[in-house]
Amino acid sequence: MVQLIALYILMPNLPNLTAVTIVYLIISAVLGIIFPLVMGALTFLNVSIRGTISGLANSTMNGPHALGAWLAGLLYAQYGGYPSSDLFAVVCLALSLDCFLYRNSK
């Protein structure tokens, strides 16, 4: 996760579109691999309600995704492009890393 945050920070400073595309490919591939693993782990918590678990997990993911896309669009329009929306993504990833690693370990 820390590497993904570093990639988001690096993104506005990349020299060309090819480099940005490669970084987005890496980020999408990593998060695309993690999501099914987490969903699989969640559905095995209680097999009798696995449909409910996956439905709730998808809905809690899609709502904030839509809200984040809206907010990133506002940041992009108001504050001069990608650096502001990338900073927003970095903050969101750092907060999720904090929630899952440090707060759940207590």
PDB file of N, CA and C in Angstrom:
ATOM      1  N   MET A   1       0.812  -1.187   0.000  1.00  0.00           N
ATOM      2  CA  MET A   1       0.000   0.000   0.000  1.00  0.00           C
ATOM      3  C   MET A   1       0.860   1.257   0.000  1.00  0.00           C
ATOM      4  N   VAL A   2       1.966   1.207   0.725  1.00  0.00           N
ATOM      5  CA  VAL A   2       2.847   2.367   0.774  1.00  0.00           C
ATOM      6  C   VAL A   2       3.426   2.644  -0.618  1.00  0.00           C
ATOM      7  N   GLN A   3       3.717   1.587  -1.362  1.00  0.00           N
ATOM      8  CA  GLN A   3       4.227   1.766  -2.722  1.00  0.00           C
ATOM      9  C   GLN A   3       3.177   2.401  -3.623  1.00  0.00           C
ATOM     10  N   LEU A   4       1.916   2.052  -3.428  1.00  0.00           N
ATOM     11  CA  LEU A   4       0.850   2.669  -4.221  1.00  0.00           C
ATOM     12  C   LEU A   4       0.732   4.156  -3.906  1.00  0.00           C
ATOM     13  N   ILE A   5       0.882   4.517  -2.646  1.00  0.00           N
ATOM     14  CA  ILE A   5       0.860   5.925  -2.274  1.00  0.00           C
ATOM     15  C   ILE A   5       2.007   6.659  -2.955  1.00  0.00           C
ATOM     16  N   ALA A   6       3.174   6.043  -2.972  1.00  0.00           N
ATOM     17  CA  ALA A   6       4.329   6.663  -3.636  1.00  0.00           C
ATOM     18  C   ALA A   6       4.077   6.825  -5.133  1.00  0.00           C
ATOM     19  N   LEU A   7       3.432   5.855  -5.757  1.00  0.00           N
ATOM     20  CA  LEU A   7       3.117   5.985  -7.189  1.00  0.00           C
ATOM     21  C   LEU A   7       2.144   7.128  -7.442  1.00  0.00           C
ATOM     22  N   TYR A   8       1.153   7.291  -6.563  1.00  0.00           N
ATOM     23  CA  TYR A   8       0.218   8.413  -6.720  1.00  0.00           C
ATOM     24  C   TYR A   8       0.930   9.756  -6.551  1.00  0.00           C
ATOM     25  N   ILE A   9       1.877   9.829  -5.637  1.00  0.00           N
ATOM     26  CA  ILE A   9       2.638  11.065  -5.463  1.00  0.00           C
ATOM     27  C   ILE A   9       3.507  11.342  -6.676  1.00  0.00           C
ATOM     28  N   LEU A  10       4.074  10.305  -7.249  1.00  0.00           N
ATOM     29  CA  LEU A  10       4.951  10.438  -8.408  1.00  0.00           C
ATOM     30  C   LEU A  10       4.202  10.822  -9.681  1.00  0.00           C
ATOM     31  N   MET A  11       2.956  10.441  -9.777  1.00  0.00           N
ATOM     32  CA  MET A  11       2.180  10.572 -11.016  1.00  0.00           C
ATOM     33  C   MET A  11       2.176  11.967 -11.649  1.00  0.00           C
ATOM     34  N   PRO A  12       1.948  13.051 -10.926  1.00  0.00           N
ATOM     35  CA  PRO A  12       1.897  14.357 -11.602  1.00  0.00           C
ATOM     36  C   PRO A  12       3.244  14.807 -12.170  1.00  0.00           C
ATOM     37  N   ASN A  13       4.309  14.184 -11.736  1.00  0.00           N
ATOM     38  CA  ASN A  13       5.634  14.588 -12.173  1.00  0.00           C
ATOM     39  C   ASN A  13       6.195  13.735 -13.302  1.00  0.00           C
ATOM     40  N   LEU A  14       5.421  12.818 -13.809  1.00  0.00           N
ATOM     41  CA  LEU A  14       5.915  11.950 -14.881  1.00  0.00           C
ATOM     42  C   LEU A  14       6.019  12.719 -16.198  1.00  0.00           C
ATOM     43  N   PRO A  15       7.017  12.378 -17.016  1.00  0.00           N
ATOM     44  CA  PRO A  15       7.310  13.206 -18.189  1.00  0.00           C
ATOM     45  C   PRO A  15       6.369  13.022 -19.374  1.00  0.00           C
ATOM     46  N   ASN A  16       5.722  11.846 -19.502  1.00  0.00           N
ATOM     47  CA  ASN A  16       4.900  11.641 -20.698  1.00  0.00           C
ATOM     48  C   ASN A  16       3.720  10.720 -20.396  1.00  0.00           C
ATOM     49  N   LEU A  17       2.847  10.607 -21.361  1.00  0.00           N
ATOM     50  CA  LEU A  17       1.631   9.818 -21.210  1.00  0.00           C
ATOM     51  C   LEU A  17       1.923   8.333 -21.048  1.00  0.00           C
ATOM     52  N   THR A  18       2.955   7.849 -21.688  1.00  0.00           N
ATOM     53  CA  THR A  18       3.302   6.430 -21.573  1.00  0.00           C
ATOM     54  C   THR A  18       3.670   6.080 -20.134  1.00  0.00           C
ATOM     55  N   ALA A  19       4.433   6.928 -19.488  1.00  0.00           N
ATOM     56  CA  ALA A  19       4.803   6.674 -18.094  1.00  0.00           C
ATOM     57  C   ALA A  19       3.581   6.696 -17.188  1.00  0.00           C
ATOM     58  N   VAL A  20       2.679   7.639 -17.416  1.00  0.00           N
ATOM     59  CA  VAL A  20       1.446   7.707 -16.616  1.00  0.00           C
ATOM     60  C   VAL A  20       0.611   6.448 -16.831  1.00  0.00           C
ATOM     61  N   THR A  21       0.523   6.001 -18.069  1.00  0.00           N
ATOM     62  CA  THR A  21      -0.242   4.792 -18.382  1.00  0.00           C
ATOM     63  C   THR A  21       0.347   3.575 -17.679  1.00  0.00           C
ATOM     64  N   ILE A  22       1.653   3.465 -17.664  1.00  0.00           N
ATOM     65  CA  ILE A  22       2.300   2.327 -16.997  1.00  0.00           C
ATOM     66  C   ILE A  22       2.040   2.364 -15.493  1.00  0.00           C
ATOM     67  N   VAL A  23       2.119   3.545 -14.896  1.00  0.00           N
ATOM     68  CA  VAL A  23       1.869   3.657 -13.452  1.00  0.00           C
ATOM     69  C   VAL A  23       0.415   3.317 -13.137  1.00  0.00           C
ATOM     70  N   TYR A  24      -0.516   3.816 -13.940  1.00  0.00           N
ATOM     71  CA  TYR A  24      -1.926   3.462 -13.721  1.00  0.00           C
ATOM     72  C   TYR A  24      -2.153   1.959 -13.908  1.00  0.00           C
ATOM     73  N   LEU A  25      -1.460   1.348 -14.837  1.00  0.00           N
ATOM     74  CA  LEU A  25      -1.570  -0.099 -15.039  1.00  0.00           C
ATOM     75  C   LEU A  25      -1.099  -0.841 -13.794  1.00  0.00           C
ATOM     76  N   ILE A  26       0.000  -0.415 -13.235  1.00  0.00           N
ATOM     77  CA  ILE A  26       0.520  -1.058 -12.020  1.00  0.00           C
ATOM     78  C   ILE A  26      -0.470  -0.898 -10.865  1.00  0.00           C
ATOM     79  N   ILE A  27      -0.972   0.312 -10.668  1.00  0.00           N
ATOM     80  CA  ILE A  27      -1.921   0.558  -9.578  1.00  0.00           C
ATOM     81  C   ILE A  27      -3.188  -0.277  -9.770  1.00  0.00           C
ATOM     82  N   SER A  28      -3.724  -0.297 -10.977  1.00  0.00           N
ATOM     83  CA  SER A  28      -4.950  -1.059 -11.248  1.00  0.00           C
ATOM     84  C   SER A  28      -4.720  -2.553 -11.093  1.00  0.00           C
ATOM     85  N   ALA A  29      -3.561  -3.038 -11.519  1.00  0.00           N
ATOM     86  CA  ALA A  29      -3.280  -4.468 -11.397  1.00  0.00           C
ATOM     87  C   ALA A  29      -3.172  -4.884  -9.931  1.00  0.00           C
ATOM     88  N   VAL A  30      -2.468  -4.091  -9.136  1.00  0.00           N
ATOM     89  CA  VAL A  30      -2.307  -4.436  -7.719  1.00  0.00           C
ATOM     90  C   VAL A  30      -3.651  -4.402  -7.008  1.00  0.00           C
ATOM     91  N   LEU A  31      -4.405  -3.321  -7.187  1.00  0.00           N
ATOM     92  CA  LEU A  31      -5.700  -3.232  -6.517  1.00  0.00           C
ATOM     93  C   LEU A  31      -6.699  -4.244  -7.087  1.00  0.00           C
ATOM     94  N   GLY A  32      -6.563  -4.575  -8.370  1.00  0.00           N
ATOM     95  CA  GLY A  32      -7.428  -5.588  -8.980  1.00  0.00           C
ATOM     96  C   GLY A  32      -7.145  -6.986  -8.473  1.00  0.00           C
ATOM     97  N   ILE A  33      -5.928  -7.235  -8.024  1.00  0.00           N
ATOM     98  CA  ILE A  33      -5.586  -8.541  -7.445  1.00  0.00           C
ATOM     99  C   ILE A  33      -6.024  -8.599  -5.990  1.00  0.00           C
ATOM    100  N   ILE A  34      -5.871  -7.502  -5.278  1.00  0.00           N
ATOM    101  CA  ILE A  34      -6.215  -7.487  -3.848  1.00  0.00           C
ATOM    102  C   ILE A  34      -7.715  -7.625  -3.630  1.00  0.00           C
ATOM    103  N   PHE A  35      -8.529  -6.979  -4.467  1.00  0.00           N
ATOM    104  CA  PHE A  35      -9.975  -6.976  -4.244  1.00  0.00           C
ATOM    105  C   PHE A  35     -10.582  -8.384  -4.222  1.00  0.00           C
ATOM    106  N   PRO A  36     -10.332  -9.254  -5.227  1.00  0.00           N
ATOM    107  CA  PRO A  36     -10.931 -10.599  -5.144  1.00  0.00           C
ATOM    108  C   PRO A  36     -10.429 -11.412  -3.957  1.00  0.00           C
ATOM    109  N   LEU A  37      -9.183 -11.201  -3.557  1.00  0.00           N
ATOM    110  CA  LEU A  37      -8.678 -11.919  -2.389  1.00  0.00           C
ATOM    111  C   LEU A  37      -9.415 -11.510  -1.122  1.00  0.00           C
ATOM    112  N   VAL A  38      -9.637 -10.219  -0.971  1.00  0.00           N
ATOM    113  CA  VAL A  38     -10.370  -9.736   0.206  1.00  0.00           C
ATOM    114  C   VAL A  38     -11.822 -10.213   0.162  1.00  0.00           C
ATOM    115  N   MET A  39     -12.439 -10.167  -1.010  1.00  0.00           N
ATOM    116  CA  MET A  39     -13.822 -10.631  -1.128  1.00  0.00           C
ATOM    117  C   MET A  39     -13.925 -12.115  -0.808  1.00  0.00           C
ATOM    118  N   GLY A  40     -12.959 -12.894  -1.282  1.00  0.00           N
ATOM    119  CA  GLY A  40     -12.948 -14.322  -0.951  1.00  0.00           C
ATOM    120  C   GLY A  40     -12.819 -14.557   0.537  1.00  0.00           C
ATOM    121  N   ALA A  41     -11.954 -13.798   1.189  1.00  0.00           N
ATOM    122  CA  ALA A  41     -11.781 -13.932   2.639  1.00  0.00           C
ATOM    123  C   ALA A  41     -13.055 -13.527   3.381  1.00  0.00           C
ATOM    124  N   LEU A  42     -13.716 -12.477   2.907  1.00  0.00           N
ATOM    125  CA  LEU A  42     -14.948 -12.048   3.568  1.00  0.00           C
ATOM    126  C   LEU A  42     -16.069 -13.062   3.422  1.00  0.00           C
ATOM    127  N   THR A  43     -16.204 -13.664   2.239  1.00  0.00           N
ATOM    128  CA  THR A  43     -17.310 -14.608   2.046  1.00  0.00           C
ATOM    129  C   THR A  43     -17.109 -15.902   2.822  1.00  0.00           C
ATOM    130  N   PHE A  44     -15.883 -16.232   3.186  1.00  0.00           N
ATOM    131  CA  PHE A  44     -15.660 -17.434   3.981  1.00  0.00           C
ATOM    132  C   PHE A  44     -15.826 -17.196   5.481  1.00  0.00           C
ATOM    133  N   LEU A  45     -16.087 -15.957   5.893  1.00  0.00           N
ATOM    134  CA  LEU A  45     -16.330 -15.704   7.312  1.00  0.00           C
ATOM    135  C   LEU A  45     -17.594 -16.405   7.783  1.00  0.00           C
ATOM    136  N   ASN A  46     -18.638 -16.373   6.965  1.00  0.00           N
ATOM    137  CA  ASN A  46     -19.885 -17.058   7.276  1.00  0.00           C
ATOM    138  C   ASN A  46     -20.510 -17.477   5.956  1.00  0.00           C
ATOM    139  N   VAL A  47     -20.415 -18.749   5.636  1.00  0.00           N
ATOM    140  CA  VAL A  47     -20.843 -19.250   4.329  1.00  0.00           C
ATOM    141  C   VAL A  47     -22.341 -19.077   4.107  1.00  0.00           C
ATOM    142  N   SER A  48     -23.135 -19.117   5.158  1.00  0.00           N
ATOM    143  CA  SER A  48     -24.587 -19.040   4.991  1.00  0.00           C
ATOM    144  C   SER A  48     -25.061 -17.647   4.553  1.00  0.00           C
ATOM    145  N   ILE A  49     -24.253 -16.610   4.785  1.00  0.00           N
ATOM    146  CA  ILE A  49     -24.655 -15.260   4.373  1.00  0.00           C
ATOM    147  C   ILE A  49     -23.635 -14.632   3.419  1.00  0.00           C
ATOM    148  N   ARG A  50     -23.005 -15.469   2.601  1.00  0.00           N
ATOM    149  CA  ARG A  50     -21.951 -14.933   1.732  1.00  0.00           C
ATOM    150  C   ARG A  50     -22.490 -13.963   0.688  1.00  0.00           C
ATOM    151  N   GLY A  51     -23.723 -14.150   0.218  1.00  0.00           N
ATOM    152  CA  GLY A  51     -24.309 -13.205  -0.727  1.00  0.00           C
ATOM    153  C   GLY A  51     -24.528 -11.836  -0.088  1.00  0.00           C
ATOM    154  N   THR A  52     -24.958 -11.852   1.152  1.00  0.00           N
ATOM    155  CA  THR A  52     -25.151 -10.600   1.880  1.00  0.00           C
ATOM    156  C   THR A  52     -23.821  -9.903   2.110  1.00  0.00           C
ATOM    157  N   ILE A  53     -22.802 -10.673   2.468  1.00  0.00           N
ATOM    158  CA  ILE A  53     -21.482 -10.096   2.710  1.00  0.00           C
ATOM    159  C   ILE A  53     -20.931  -9.465   1.443  1.00  0.00           C
ATOM    160  N   SER A  54     -21.012 -10.182   0.318  1.00  0.00           N
ATOM    161  CA  SER A  54     -20.457  -9.624  -0.924  1.00  0.00           C
ATOM    162  C   SER A  54     -21.284  -8.434  -1.412  1.00  0.00           C
ATOM    163  N   GLY A  55     -22.598  -8.477  -1.221  1.00  0.00           N
ATOM    164  CA  GLY A  55     -23.434  -7.343  -1.613  1.00  0.00           C
ATOM    165  C   GLY A  55     -23.138  -6.095  -0.798  1.00  0.00           C
ATOM    166  N   LEU A  56     -22.991  -6.271   0.512  1.00  0.00           N
ATOM    167  CA  LEU A  56     -22.657  -5.131   1.365  1.00  0.00           C
ATOM    168  C   LEU A  56     -21.263  -4.595   1.067  1.00  0.00           C
ATOM    169  N   ALA A  57     -20.327  -5.491   0.809  1.00  0.00           N
ATOM    170  CA  ALA A  57     -18.966  -5.046   0.490  1.00  0.00           C
ATOM    171  C   ALA A  57     -18.949  -4.263  -0.814  1.00  0.00           C
ATOM    172  N   ASN A  58     -19.670  -4.725  -1.820  1.00  0.00           N
ATOM    173  CA  ASN A  58     -19.713  -3.997  -3.092  1.00  0.00           C
ATOM    174  C   ASN A  58     -20.413  -2.651  -2.951  1.00  0.00           C
ATOM    175  N   SER A  59     -21.502  -2.607  -2.203  1.00  0.00           N
ATOM    176  CA  SER A  59     -22.209  -1.332  -2.063  1.00  0.00           C
ATOM    177  C   SER A  59     -21.406  -0.326  -1.246  1.00  0.00           C
ATOM    178  N   THR A  60     -20.701  -0.801  -0.226  1.00  0.00           N
ATOM    179  CA  THR A  60     -19.878   0.124   0.547  1.00  0.00           C
ATOM    180  C   THR A  60     -18.639   0.559  -0.221  1.00  0.00           C
ATOM    181  N   MET A  61     -18.272  -0.176  -1.252  1.00  0.00           N
ATOM    182  CA  MET A  61     -17.155   0.243  -2.093  1.00  0.00           C
ATOM    183  C   MET A  61     -17.629   1.211  -3.181  1.00  0.00           C
ATOM    184  N   ASN A  62     -18.764   0.954  -3.785  1.00  0.00           N
ATOM    185  CA  ASN A  62     -19.216   1.773  -4.917  1.00  0.00           C
ATOM    186  C   ASN A  62     -19.715   3.153  -4.495  1.00  0.00           C
ATOM    187  N   GLY A  63     -20.317   3.272  -3.335  1.00  0.00           N
ATOM    188  CA  GLY A  63     -20.773   4.583  -2.872  1.00  0.00           C
ATOM    189  C   GLY A  63     -19.622   5.563  -2.670  1.00  0.00           C
ATOM    190  N   PRO A  64     -18.630   5.187  -1.875  1.00  0.00           N
ATOM    191  CA  PRO A  64     -17.487   6.093  -1.717  1.00  0.00           C
ATOM    192  C   PRO A  64     -16.700   6.305  -3.017  1.00  0.00           C
ATOM    193  N   HIS A  65     -16.716   5.318  -3.895  1.00  0.00           N
ATOM    194  CA  HIS A  65     -16.038   5.483  -5.180  1.00  0.00           C
ATOM    195  C   HIS A  65     -16.686   6.602  -5.987  1.00  0.00           C
ATOM    196  N   ALA A  66     -18.002   6.627  -6.011  1.00  0.00           N
ATOM    197  CA  ALA A  66     -18.710   7.691  -6.722  1.00  0.00           C
ATOM    198  C   ALA A  66     -18.473   9.050  -6.057  1.00  0.00           C
ATOM    199  N   LEU A  67     -18.512   9.084  -4.734  1.00  0.00           N
ATOM    200  CA  LEU A  67     -18.249  10.326  -4.010  1.00  0.00           C
ATOM    201  C   LEU A  67     -16.818  10.809  -4.234  1.00  0.00           C
ATOM    202  N   GLY A  68     -15.858   9.888  -4.225  1.00  0.00           N
ATOM    203  CA  GLY A  68     -14.463  10.249  -4.466  1.00  0.00           C
ATOM    204  C   GLY A  68     -14.233  10.758  -5.879  1.00  0.00           C
ATOM    205  N   ALA A  69     -14.896  10.154  -6.859  1.00  0.00           N
ATOM    206  CA  ALA A  69     -14.760  10.628  -8.239  1.00  0.00           C
ATOM    207  C   ALA A  69     -15.331  12.031  -8.385  1.00  0.00           C
ATOM    208  N   TRP A  70     -16.438  12.293  -7.733  1.00  0.00           N
ATOM    209  CA  TRP A  70     -17.033  13.633  -7.779  1.00  0.00           C
ATOM    210  C   TRP A  70     -16.099  14.651  -7.138  1.00  0.00           C
ATOM    211  N   LEU A  71     -15.569  14.306  -5.962  1.00  0.00           N
ATOM    212  CA  LEU A  71     -14.674  15.227  -5.272  1.00  0.00           C
ATOM    213  C   LEU A  71     -13.369  15.431  -6.050  1.00  0.00           C
ATOM    214  N   ALA A  72     -12.838  14.381  -6.654  1.00  0.00           N
ATOM    215  CA  ALA A  72     -11.622  14.516  -7.461  1.00  0.00           C
ATOM    216  C   ALA A  72     -11.874  15.410  -8.671  1.00  0.00           C
ATOM    217  N   GLY A  73     -13.051  15.324  -9.259  1.00  0.00           N
ATOM    218  CA  GLY A  73     -13.394  16.203 -10.372  1.00  0.00           C
ATOM    219  C   GLY A  73     -13.447  17.661  -9.943  1.00  0.00           C
ATOM    220  N   LEU A  74     -14.018  17.903  -8.759  1.00  0.00           N
ATOM    221  CA  LEU A  74     -14.034  19.273  -8.230  1.00  0.00           C
ATOM    222  C   LEU A  74     -12.624  19.784  -7.963  1.00  0.00           C
ATOM    223  N   LEU A  75     -11.794  18.954  -7.369  1.00  0.00           N
ATOM    224  CA  LEU A  75     -10.408  19.353  -7.103  1.00  0.00           C
ATOM    225  C   LEU A  75      -9.657  19.630  -8.402  1.00  0.00           C
ATOM    226  N   TYR A  76      -9.878  18.778  -9.393  1.00  0.00           N
ATOM    227  CA  TYR A  76      -9.215  18.961 -10.693  1.00  0.00           C
ATOM    228  C   TYR A  76      -9.612  20.302 -11.313  1.00  0.00           C
ATOM    229  N   ALA A  77     -10.889  20.617 -11.261  1.00  0.00           N
ATOM    230  CA  ALA A  77     -11.374  21.843 -11.892  1.00  0.00           C
ATOM    231  C   ALA A  77     -10.984  23.097 -11.105  1.00  0.00           C
ATOM    232  N   GLN A  78     -10.990  23.011  -9.781  1.00  0.00           N
ATOM    233  CA  GLN A  78     -10.765  24.196  -8.967  1.00  0.00           C
ATOM    234  C   GLN A  78      -9.290  24.505  -8.692  1.00  0.00           C
ATOM    235  N   TYR A  79      -8.455  23.468  -8.630  1.00  0.00           N
ATOM    236  CA  TYR A  79      -7.087  23.669  -8.166  1.00  0.00           C
ATOM    237  C   TYR A  79      -6.021  23.276  -9.178  1.00  0.00           C
ATOM    238  N   GLY A  80      -6.329  23.339 -10.440  1.00  0.00           N
ATOM    239  CA  GLY A  80      -5.286  23.248 -11.442  1.00  0.00           C
ATOM    240  C   GLY A  80      -4.830  21.878 -11.868  1.00  0.00           C
ATOM    241  N   GLY A  81      -5.699  20.943 -11.995  1.00  0.00           N
ATOM    242  CA  GLY A  81      -5.323  19.696 -12.640  1.00  0.00           C
ATOM    243  C   GLY A  81      -5.056  18.523 -11.713  1.00  0.00           C
ATOM    244  N   TYR A  82      -4.214  17.637 -12.221  1.00  0.00           N
ATOM    245  CA  TYR A  82      -3.996  16.351 -11.576  1.00  0.00           C
ATOM    246  C   TYR A  82      -3.286  16.395 -10.232  1.00  0.00           C
ATOM    247  N   PRO A  83      -2.366  17.312  -9.971  1.00  0.00           N
ATOM    248  CA  PRO A  83      -1.707  17.251  -8.662  1.00  0.00           C
ATOM    249  C   PRO A  83      -2.682  17.301  -7.475  1.00  0.00           C
ATOM    250  N   SER A  84      -3.725  18.079  -7.573  1.00  0.00           N
ATOM    251  CA  SER A  84      -4.678  18.158  -6.455  1.00  0.00           C
ATOM    252  C   SER A  84      -5.482  16.866  -6.319  1.00  0.00           C
ATOM    253  N   SER A  85      -5.917  16.291  -7.433  1.00  0.00           N
ATOM    254  CA  SER A  85      -6.679  15.041  -7.324  1.00  0.00           C
ATOM    255  C   SER A  85      -5.773  13.881  -6.932  1.00  0.00           C
ATOM    256  N   ASP A  86      -4.507  13.910  -7.360  1.00  0.00           N
ATOM    257  CA  ASP A  86      -3.573  12.865  -6.922  1.00  0.00           C
ATOM    258  C   ASP A  86      -3.276  12.980  -5.430  1.00  0.00           C
ATOM    259  N   LEU A  87      -3.165  14.193  -4.925  1.00  0.00           N
ATOM    260  CA  LEU A  87      -2.960  14.384  -3.494  1.00  0.00           C
ATOM    261  C   LEU A  87      -4.165  13.856  -2.713  1.00  0.00           C
ATOM    262  N   PHE A  88      -5.358  14.068  -3.244  1.00  0.00           N
ATOM    263  CA  PHE A  88      -6.569  13.518  -2.634  1.00  0.00           C
ATOM    264  C   PHE A  88      -6.507  11.987  -2.594  1.00  0.00           C
ATOM    265  N   ALA A  89      -6.060  11.365  -3.687  1.00  0.00           N
ATOM    266  CA  ALA A  89      -5.939   9.909  -3.725  1.00  0.00           C
ATOM    267  C   ALA A  89      -4.900   9.419  -2.720  1.00  0.00           C
ATOM    268  N   VAL A  90      -3.793  10.136  -2.599  1.00  0.00           N
ATOM    269  CA  VAL A  90      -2.755   9.765  -1.634  1.00  0.00           C
ATOM    270  C   VAL A  90      -3.298   9.825  -0.217  1.00  0.00           C
ATOM    271  N   VAL A  91      -4.028  10.878   0.104  1.00  0.00           N
ATOM    272  CA  VAL A  91      -4.600  11.012   1.448  1.00  0.00           C
ATOM    273  C   VAL A  91      -5.585   9.878   1.720  1.00  0.00           C
ATOM    274  N   CYS A  92      -6.419   9.549   0.744  1.00  0.00           N
ATOM    275  CA  CYS A  92      -7.389   8.459   0.928  1.00  0.00           C
ATOM    276  C   CYS A  92      -6.696   7.115   1.120  1.00  0.00           C
ATOM    277  N   LEU A  93      -5.660   6.834   0.333  1.00  0.00           N
ATOM    278  CA  LEU A  93      -4.926   5.582   0.506  1.00  0.00           C
ATOM    279  C   LEU A  93      -4.210   5.541   1.854  1.00  0.00           C
ATOM    280  N   ALA A  94      -3.639   6.661   2.272  1.00  0.00           N
ATOM    281  CA  ALA A  94      -2.962   6.696   3.568  1.00  0.00           C
ATOM    282  C   ALA A  94      -3.952   6.475   4.707  1.00  0.00           C
ATOM    283  N   LEU A  95      -5.142   7.056   4.596  1.00  0.00           N
ATOM    284  CA  LEU A  95      -6.159   6.845   5.636  1.00  0.00           C
ATOM    285  C   LEU A  95      -6.632   5.396   5.673  1.00  0.00           C
ATOM    286  N   SER A  96      -6.801   4.782   4.503  1.00  0.00           N
ATOM    287  CA  SER A  96      -7.221   3.380   4.496  1.00  0.00           C
ATOM    288  C   SER A  96      -6.125   2.481   5.043  1.00  0.00           C
ATOM    289  N   LEU A  97      -4.867   2.794   4.734  1.00  0.00           N
ATOM    290  CA  LEU A  97      -3.754   2.037   5.287  1.00  0.00           C
ATOM    291  C   LEU A  97      -3.730   2.165   6.805  1.00  0.00           C
ATOM    292  N   ASP A  98      -3.973   3.359   7.305  1.00  0.00           N
ATOM    293  CA  ASP A  98      -4.027   3.580   8.745  1.00  0.00           C
ATOM    294  C   ASP A  98      -5.156   2.772   9.377  1.00  0.00           C
ATOM    295  N   CYS A  99      -6.327   2.784   8.750  1.00  0.00           N
ATOM    296  CA  CYS A  99      -7.478   2.054   9.305  1.00  0.00           C
ATOM    297  C   CYS A  99      -7.229   0.555   9.358  1.00  0.00           C
ATOM    298  N   PHE A 100      -6.688  -0.009   8.297  1.00  0.00           N
ATOM    299  CA  PHE A 100      -6.568  -1.458   8.226  1.00  0.00           C
ATOM    300  C   PHE A 100      -5.338  -2.002   8.936  1.00  0.00           C
ATOM    301  N   LEU A 101      -4.261  -1.260   8.988  1.00  0.00           N
ATOM    302  CA  LEU A 101      -3.053  -1.793   9.616  1.00  0.00           C
ATOM    303  C   LEU A 101      -2.923  -1.404  11.079  1.00  0.00           C
ATOM    304  N   TYR A 102      -3.102  -0.140  11.371  1.00  0.00           N
ATOM    305  CA  TYR A 102      -2.773   0.334  12.706  1.00  0.00           C
ATOM    306  C   TYR A 102      -3.946   0.315  13.656  1.00  0.00           C
ATOM    307  N   ARG A 103      -5.110   0.635  13.198  1.00  0.00           N
ATOM    308  CA  ARG A 103      -6.260   0.665  14.109  1.00  0.00           C
ATOM    309  C   ARG A 103      -6.827  -0.703  14.370  1.00  0.00           C
ATOM    310  N   ASN A 104      -6.711  -1.642  13.417  1.00  0.00           N
ATOM    311  CA  ASN A 104      -7.207  -2.996  13.639  1.00  0.00           C
ATOM    312  C   ASN A 104      -6.251  -3.847  14.454  1.00  0.00           C
ATOM    313  N   SER A 105      -5.019  -3.402  14.607  1.00  0.00           N
ATOM    314  CA  SER A 105      -4.052  -4.194  15.368  1.00  0.00           C
ATOM    315  C   SER A 105      -4.172  -3.982  16.869  1.00  0.00           C
ATOM    316  N   LYS A 106      -4.967  -3.023  17.301  1.00  0.00           N
ATOM    317  CA  LYS A 106      -5.103  -2.730  18.740  1.00  0.00           C
ATOM    318  C   LYS A 106      -6.131  -3.611  19.392  1.00  0.00           C
TER     319      LYS A 106
END
